[in-house]
Amino acid sequence: MNKNLLITGTILGILGIILGAFAAHGLEKLVDADAIKTFETGVRYQIYHAFFLLILGGTYFVDLKLKKIILYLVVVGVIFFSGSIYGLATNELSGFDFETIAIITPIGGLSLILAWFVMLIGFIRNKVD
């Protein structure tokens, strides 16, 4: 499980850097400054959660069952939260209207919050000081 956390965190980090560079250098001529700022919010949260998984994969203070739950919550959260933000920020460039599925953004945010909450539970349950 730790390897899965580390691999997933690394992939999210790589994609976050690529998307951040795209926002900084590729989107500036295609969308307005507010859309770029919105896109960068998605990148920022994706990178935060990449680090979150990397740190979690390197700790033994949370049991494997909870780590698995956290991994799923983070992956769903990043896809729903950051992914929908990417779509909404670039909505005018797409043939798909991302505003029709904007409800998944807060669901993704809730999933990310729950991941942190599950980690807190893991720390509280841990018997080692």
C-alpha atoms as a PDB file:
ATOM      1  CA  MET A   1       0.000   0.000   0.000  1.00  0.00           C
ATOM      2  CA  ASN A   2       2.826   2.419   0.792  1.00  0.00           C
ATOM      3  CA  LYS A   3       4.216   1.871  -2.704  1.00  0.00           C
ATOM      4  CA  ASN A   4       0.793   2.654  -4.212  1.00  0.00           C
ATOM      5  CA  LEU A   5       0.614   5.853  -2.177  1.00  0.00           C
ATOM      6  CA  LEU A   6       4.091   6.880  -3.283  1.00  0.00           C
ATOM      7  CA  ILE A   7       3.444   6.077  -6.959  1.00  0.00           C
ATOM      8  CA  THR A   8       0.079   7.860  -6.979  1.00  0.00           C
ATOM      9  CA  GLY A   9       1.514  10.882  -5.168  1.00  0.00           C
ATOM     10  CA  THR A  10       4.373  11.051  -7.662  1.00  0.00           C
ATOM     11  CA  ILE A  11       2.016  10.807 -10.651  1.00  0.00           C
ATOM     12  CA  LEU A  12      -0.231  13.531  -9.220  1.00  0.00           C
ATOM     13  CA  GLY A  13       2.859  15.680  -8.656  1.00  0.00           C
ATOM     14  CA  ILE A  14       4.159  15.180 -12.198  1.00  0.00           C
ATOM     15  CA  LEU A  15       0.758  15.976 -13.693  1.00  0.00           C
ATOM     16  CA  GLY A  16       0.401  18.979 -11.389  1.00  0.00           C
ATOM     17  CA  ILE A  17       3.711  20.425 -12.581  1.00  0.00           C
ATOM     18  CA  ILE A  18       2.775  19.829 -16.222  1.00  0.00           C
ATOM     19  CA  LEU A  19      -0.648  21.431 -15.744  1.00  0.00           C
ATOM     20  CA  GLY A  20       0.873  24.345 -13.824  1.00  0.00           C
ATOM     21  CA  ALA A  21       3.339  24.985 -16.632  1.00  0.00           C
ATOM     22  CA  PHE A  22       0.481  24.759 -19.123  1.00  0.00           C
ATOM     23  CA  ALA A  23      -1.481  27.332 -17.117  1.00  0.00           C
ATOM     24  CA  ALA A  24       1.515  29.666 -16.961  1.00  0.00           C
ATOM     25  CA  HIS A  25       2.638  29.363 -20.563  1.00  0.00           C
ATOM     26  CA  GLY A  26      -0.116  27.856 -22.699  1.00  0.00           C
ATOM     27  CA  LEU A  27      -3.378  29.256 -21.381  1.00  0.00           C
ATOM     28  CA  GLU A  28      -2.419  32.921 -21.172  1.00  0.00           C
ATOM     29  CA  LYS A  29      -3.380  33.564 -24.798  1.00  0.00           C
ATOM     30  CA  LEU A  30      -6.505  31.409 -24.695  1.00  0.00           C
ATOM     31  CA  VAL A  31      -8.425  32.442 -21.563  1.00  0.00           C
ATOM     32  CA  ASP A  32      -8.659  35.478 -19.299  1.00  0.00           C
ATOM     33  CA  ALA A  33      -6.663  36.071 -16.117  1.00  0.00           C
ATOM     34  CA  ASP A  34      -9.521  34.934 -13.849  1.00  0.00           C
ATOM     35  CA  ALA A  35      -9.697  31.588 -15.645  1.00  0.00           C
ATOM     36  CA  ILE A  36      -5.938  31.114 -15.248  1.00  0.00           C
ATOM     37  CA  LYS A  37      -6.212  31.923 -11.540  1.00  0.00           C
ATOM     38  CA  THR A  38      -9.031  29.377 -11.232  1.00  0.00           C
ATOM     39  CA  PHE A  39      -6.991  26.758 -13.111  1.00  0.00           C
ATOM     40  CA  GLU A  40      -4.027  27.408 -10.801  1.00  0.00           C
ATOM     41  CA  THR A  41      -6.283  26.725  -7.793  1.00  0.00           C
ATOM     42  CA  GLY A  42      -6.903  23.243  -9.175  1.00  0.00           C
ATOM     43  CA  VAL A  43      -3.159  22.762  -9.683  1.00  0.00           C
ATOM     44  CA  ARG A  44      -2.370  23.957  -6.161  1.00  0.00           C
ATOM     45  CA  TYR A  45      -4.790  21.505  -4.544  1.00  0.00           C
ATOM     46  CA  GLN A  46      -3.534  18.683  -6.741  1.00  0.00           C
ATOM     47  CA  ILE A  47       0.059  19.377  -5.680  1.00  0.00           C
ATOM     48  CA  TYR A  48      -0.956  19.642  -2.001  1.00  0.00           C
ATOM     49  CA  HIS A  49      -2.518  16.214  -2.204  1.00  0.00           C
ATOM     50  CA  ALA A  50       0.414  14.748  -4.107  1.00  0.00           C
ATOM     51  CA  PHE A  51       2.596  15.731  -1.138  1.00  0.00           C
ATOM     52  CA  PHE A  52      -0.067  14.429   1.229  1.00  0.00           C
ATOM     53  CA  LEU A  53       0.126  10.965  -0.361  1.00  0.00           C
ATOM     54  CA  LEU A  54       3.935  11.021  -0.416  1.00  0.00           C
ATOM     55  CA  ILE A  55       4.073  11.872   3.277  1.00  0.00           C
ATOM     56  CA  LEU A  56       1.407   9.289   4.118  1.00  0.00           C
ATOM     57  CA  GLY A  57       3.299   6.622   2.152  1.00  0.00           C
ATOM     58  CA  GLY A  58       6.373   7.297   4.285  1.00  0.00           C
ATOM     59  CA  THR A  59       4.715   7.060   7.678  1.00  0.00           C
ATOM     60  CA  TYR A  60       3.724   4.108   9.812  1.00  0.00           C
ATOM     61  CA  PHE A  61       1.454   6.069  12.126  1.00  0.00           C
ATOM     62  CA  VAL A  62      -1.644   5.167  10.079  1.00  0.00           C
ATOM     63  CA  ASP A  63      -2.644   1.553   9.475  1.00  0.00           C
ATOM     64  CA  LEU A  64      -2.860   0.111   5.974  1.00  0.00           C
ATOM     65  CA  LYS A  65      -6.666  -0.123   5.931  1.00  0.00           C
ATOM     66  CA  LEU A  66      -6.995   3.598   6.575  1.00  0.00           C
ATOM     67  CA  LYS A  67      -4.226   4.373   4.081  1.00  0.00           C
ATOM     68  CA  LYS A  68      -6.221   2.570   1.408  1.00  0.00           C
ATOM     69  CA  ILE A  69      -9.339   4.589   2.237  1.00  0.00           C
ATOM     70  CA  ILE A  70      -7.308   7.809   2.160  1.00  0.00           C
ATOM     71  CA  LEU A  71      -5.796   6.905  -1.208  1.00  0.00           C
ATOM     72  CA  TYR A  72      -9.248   6.375  -2.755  1.00  0.00           C
ATOM     73  CA  LEU A  73     -10.619   9.571  -1.202  1.00  0.00           C
ATOM     74  CA  VAL A  74      -7.687  11.616  -2.515  1.00  0.00           C
ATOM     75  CA  VAL A  75      -7.834  10.178  -6.031  1.00  0.00           C
ATOM     76  CA  VAL A  76     -11.601  10.777  -6.267  1.00  0.00           C
ATOM     77  CA  GLY A  77     -11.195  14.184  -4.649  1.00  0.00           C
ATOM     78  CA  VAL A  78      -8.467  15.354  -7.022  1.00  0.00           C
ATOM     79  CA  ILE A  79     -10.329  14.087 -10.083  1.00  0.00           C
ATOM     80  CA  PHE A  80     -13.615  15.684  -9.014  1.00  0.00           C
ATOM     81  CA  PHE A  81     -12.237  18.867  -7.444  1.00  0.00           C
ATOM     82  CA  SER A  82      -9.179  19.756  -9.491  1.00  0.00           C
ATOM     83  CA  GLY A  83     -10.461  18.068 -12.640  1.00  0.00           C
ATOM     84  CA  SER A  84     -13.728  19.964 -12.614  1.00  0.00           C
ATOM     85  CA  ILE A  85     -11.886  23.212 -11.906  1.00  0.00           C
ATOM     86  CA  TYR A  86      -9.645  22.569 -14.923  1.00  0.00           C
ATOM     87  CA  GLY A  87     -12.742  22.001 -17.024  1.00  0.00           C
ATOM     88  CA  LEU A  88     -14.570  25.051 -15.693  1.00  0.00           C
ATOM     89  CA  ALA A  89     -11.537  27.304 -16.191  1.00  0.00           C
ATOM     90  CA  THR A  90     -11.154  26.191 -19.809  1.00  0.00           C
ATOM     91  CA  ASN A  91     -14.888  25.812 -20.476  1.00  0.00           C
ATOM     92  CA  GLU A  92     -14.862  28.235 -23.405  1.00  0.00           C
ATOM     93  CA  LEU A  93     -12.213  26.147 -25.171  1.00  0.00           C
ATOM     94  CA  SER A  94     -14.201  22.926 -25.004  1.00  0.00           C
ATOM     95  CA  GLY A  95     -17.205  21.588 -26.823  1.00  0.00           C
ATOM     96  CA  PHE A  96     -18.490  20.267 -23.487  1.00  0.00           C
ATOM     97  CA  ASP A  97     -20.206  22.615 -21.014  1.00  0.00           C
ATOM     98  CA  PHE A  98     -18.476  21.823 -17.715  1.00  0.00           C
ATOM     99  CA  GLU A  99     -20.938  24.014 -15.850  1.00  0.00           C
ATOM    100  CA  THR A 100     -23.470  21.199 -16.225  1.00  0.00           C
ATOM    101  CA  ILE A 101     -21.356  18.990 -13.940  1.00  0.00           C
ATOM    102  CA  ALA A 102     -20.045  21.706 -11.607  1.00  0.00           C
ATOM    103  CA  ILE A 103     -21.759  19.935  -8.670  1.00  0.00           C
ATOM    104  CA  ILE A 104     -18.858  17.479  -8.577  1.00  0.00           C
ATOM    105  CA  THR A 105     -16.460  20.245  -7.485  1.00  0.00           C
ATOM    106  CA  PRO A 106     -17.760  20.425  -3.895  1.00  0.00           C
ATOM    107  CA  ILE A 107     -18.101  16.628  -3.804  1.00  0.00           C
ATOM    108  CA  GLY A 108     -14.400  16.425  -4.671  1.00  0.00           C
ATOM    109  CA  GLY A 109     -13.591  19.001  -2.007  1.00  0.00           C
ATOM    110  CA  LEU A 110     -15.539  16.986   0.555  1.00  0.00           C
ATOM    111  CA  SER A 111     -13.641  13.852  -0.477  1.00  0.00           C
ATOM    112  CA  LEU A 112     -10.330  15.651   0.115  1.00  0.00           C
ATOM    113  CA  ILE A 113     -11.510  16.895   3.515  1.00  0.00           C
ATOM    114  CA  LEU A 114     -12.596  13.370   4.444  1.00  0.00           C
ATOM    115  CA  ALA A 115      -9.152  12.043   3.481  1.00  0.00           C
ATOM    116  CA  TRP A 116      -7.545  14.407   5.985  1.00  0.00           C
ATOM    117  CA  PHE A 117     -10.158  13.487   8.584  1.00  0.00           C
ATOM    118  CA  VAL A 118      -9.470   9.763   8.100  1.00  0.00           C
ATOM    119  CA  MET A 119      -5.760  10.452   8.573  1.00  0.00           C
ATOM    120  CA  LEU A 120      -6.554  12.300  11.807  1.00  0.00           C
ATOM    121  CA  ILE A 121      -8.528   9.277  12.991  1.00  0.00           C
ATOM    122  CA  GLY A 122      -5.532   7.092  12.133  1.00  0.00           C
ATOM    123  CA  PHE A 123      -3.225   9.278  14.197  1.00  0.00           C
ATOM    124  CA  ILE A 124      -5.633   9.316  17.152  1.00  0.00           C
ATOM    125  CA  ARG A 125      -6.060   5.513  17.054  1.00  0.00           C
ATOM    126  CA  ASN A 126      -2.321   4.898  16.907  1.00  0.00           C
ATOM    127  CA  LYS A 127      -1.073   3.540  20.227  1.00  0.00           C
ATOM    128  CA  VAL A 128       2.526   4.673  19.706  1.00  0.00           C
ATOM    129  CA  ASP A 129       3.520   8.080  21.105  1.00  0.00           C
END
